[in-house]
Amino acid sequence: MFGVWDDTMLVRDDHAVPVTPELIARLQADLTAVGYLDPAAVSGAYDAPTRAALTDWAGWENLEMRLREDDLVSEHLAAELRRQAAALSP
């Protein structure tokens, strides 16, 4: 139970990963799949629309504590977004 709590609610062991072109592409594809990013806004950049979509999605999923102000992304946040987007794929 404590392991689940650490993984889902605490951020002390949350690894941050650098924003790479591959990660941006994945985030934008996943945010589009879950309906938080307009496909017309996919730019290949970690820009304001992408950050806003990630912030909106994270807030809806109660993961806003995993958002970062720098050019790093929470590994847990990206993995959860990927999991949800994959669940929506046919």
Protein backbone atom coordinates (compact mmCIF):
# COMPACT_ATOMS: atom_id res chain seq x y z
CA MET A 1 0.00 0.00 0.00
CA PHE A 2 2.81 2.43 0.82
CA GLY A 3 4.46 1.62 -2.50
CA VAL A 4 1.29 2.58 -4.37
CA TRP A 5 1.04 5.79 -2.32
CA ASP A 6 4.68 6.66 -3.11
CA ASP A 7 4.17 5.95 -6.80
CA THR A 8 0.92 7.81 -7.26
CA MET A 9 0.84 10.63 -4.71
CA LEU A 10 4.37 11.50 -3.64
CA VAL A 11 6.94 13.07 -5.87
CA ARG A 12 10.12 12.41 -3.90
CA ASP A 13 11.16 9.53 -6.19
CA ASP A 14 9.79 11.05 -9.38
CA HIS A 15 12.50 11.05 -12.01
CA ALA A 16 12.57 13.97 -14.39
CA VAL A 17 13.53 13.38 -18.00
CA PRO A 18 14.81 15.97 -20.46
CA VAL A 19 12.48 17.24 -23.13
CA THR A 20 13.76 15.72 -26.37
CA PRO A 21 12.20 15.85 -29.83
CA GLU A 22 11.10 12.23 -29.33
CA LEU A 23 9.45 13.01 -25.99
CA ILE A 24 7.72 16.07 -27.42
CA ALA A 25 6.35 14.01 -30.31
CA ARG A 26 5.10 11.35 -27.89
CA LEU A 27 3.54 13.91 -25.51
CA GLN A 28 1.81 15.74 -28.34
CA ALA A 29 0.50 12.49 -29.85
CA ASP A 30 -0.74 11.30 -26.47
CA LEU A 31 -2.30 14.66 -25.56
CA THR A 32 -4.07 14.64 -28.92
CA ALA A 33 -5.27 11.05 -28.34
CA VAL A 34 -6.77 11.91 -24.95
CA GLY A 35 -8.41 15.04 -26.36
CA TYR A 36 -6.40 17.76 -24.65
CA LEU A 37 -4.37 19.02 -27.62
CA ASP A 38 -5.87 20.09 -30.91
CA PRO A 39 -4.14 18.22 -33.74
CA ALA A 40 -3.60 21.58 -35.46
CA ALA A 41 -1.47 22.64 -32.47
CA VAL A 42 1.03 19.80 -32.87
CA SER A 43 4.25 21.67 -33.56
CA GLY A 44 7.12 19.44 -32.51
CA ALA A 45 8.05 22.02 -29.87
CA TYR A 46 7.51 22.07 -26.12
CA ASP A 47 5.55 25.26 -26.62
CA ALA A 48 2.76 27.07 -24.79
CA PRO A 49 -0.12 25.02 -26.30
CA THR A 50 1.63 21.75 -25.41
CA ARG A 51 2.40 22.92 -21.87
CA ALA A 52 -1.17 24.17 -21.42
CA ALA A 53 -2.61 20.86 -22.65
CA LEU A 54 -0.30 18.90 -20.33
CA THR A 55 -1.26 21.17 -17.41
CA ASP A 56 -4.98 20.78 -18.15
CA TRP A 57 -4.71 17.01 -18.45
CA ALA A 58 -2.58 16.69 -15.29
CA GLY A 59 -5.04 18.81 -13.33
CA TRP A 60 -7.97 16.69 -14.48
CA GLU A 61 -6.08 13.53 -13.48
CA ASN A 62 -5.00 15.01 -10.12
CA LEU A 63 -1.35 14.83 -11.16
CA GLU A 64 -0.63 18.56 -11.12
CA MET A 65 2.00 18.07 -8.39
CA ARG A 66 4.12 16.31 -11.03
CA LEU A 67 4.22 19.31 -13.36
CA ARG A 68 7.54 21.11 -13.66
CA GLU A 69 8.46 24.69 -14.52
CA ASP A 70 11.70 23.79 -16.30
CA ASP A 71 12.37 21.87 -19.50
CA LEU A 72 12.10 18.51 -17.76
CA VAL A 73 9.05 16.26 -17.60
CA SER A 74 8.06 13.92 -14.82
CA GLU A 75 8.70 10.36 -15.94
CA HIS A 76 5.61 9.21 -14.03
CA LEU A 77 3.46 11.89 -15.64
CA ALA A 78 4.60 10.96 -19.15
CA ALA A 79 4.09 7.25 -18.43
CA GLU A 80 0.56 7.78 -17.12
CA LEU A 81 -0.34 9.91 -20.13
CA ARG A 82 1.08 7.20 -22.43
CA ARG A 83 -0.94 4.54 -20.61
CA GLN A 84 -4.18 6.47 -20.98
CA ALA A 85 -3.56 7.30 -24.64
CA ALA A 86 -2.70 3.66 -25.40
CA ALA A 87 -5.92 2.52 -23.72
CA LEU A 88 -7.87 4.67 -26.17
CA SER A 89 -6.13 3.24 -29.24
CA PRO A 90 -8.09 0.66 -31.23
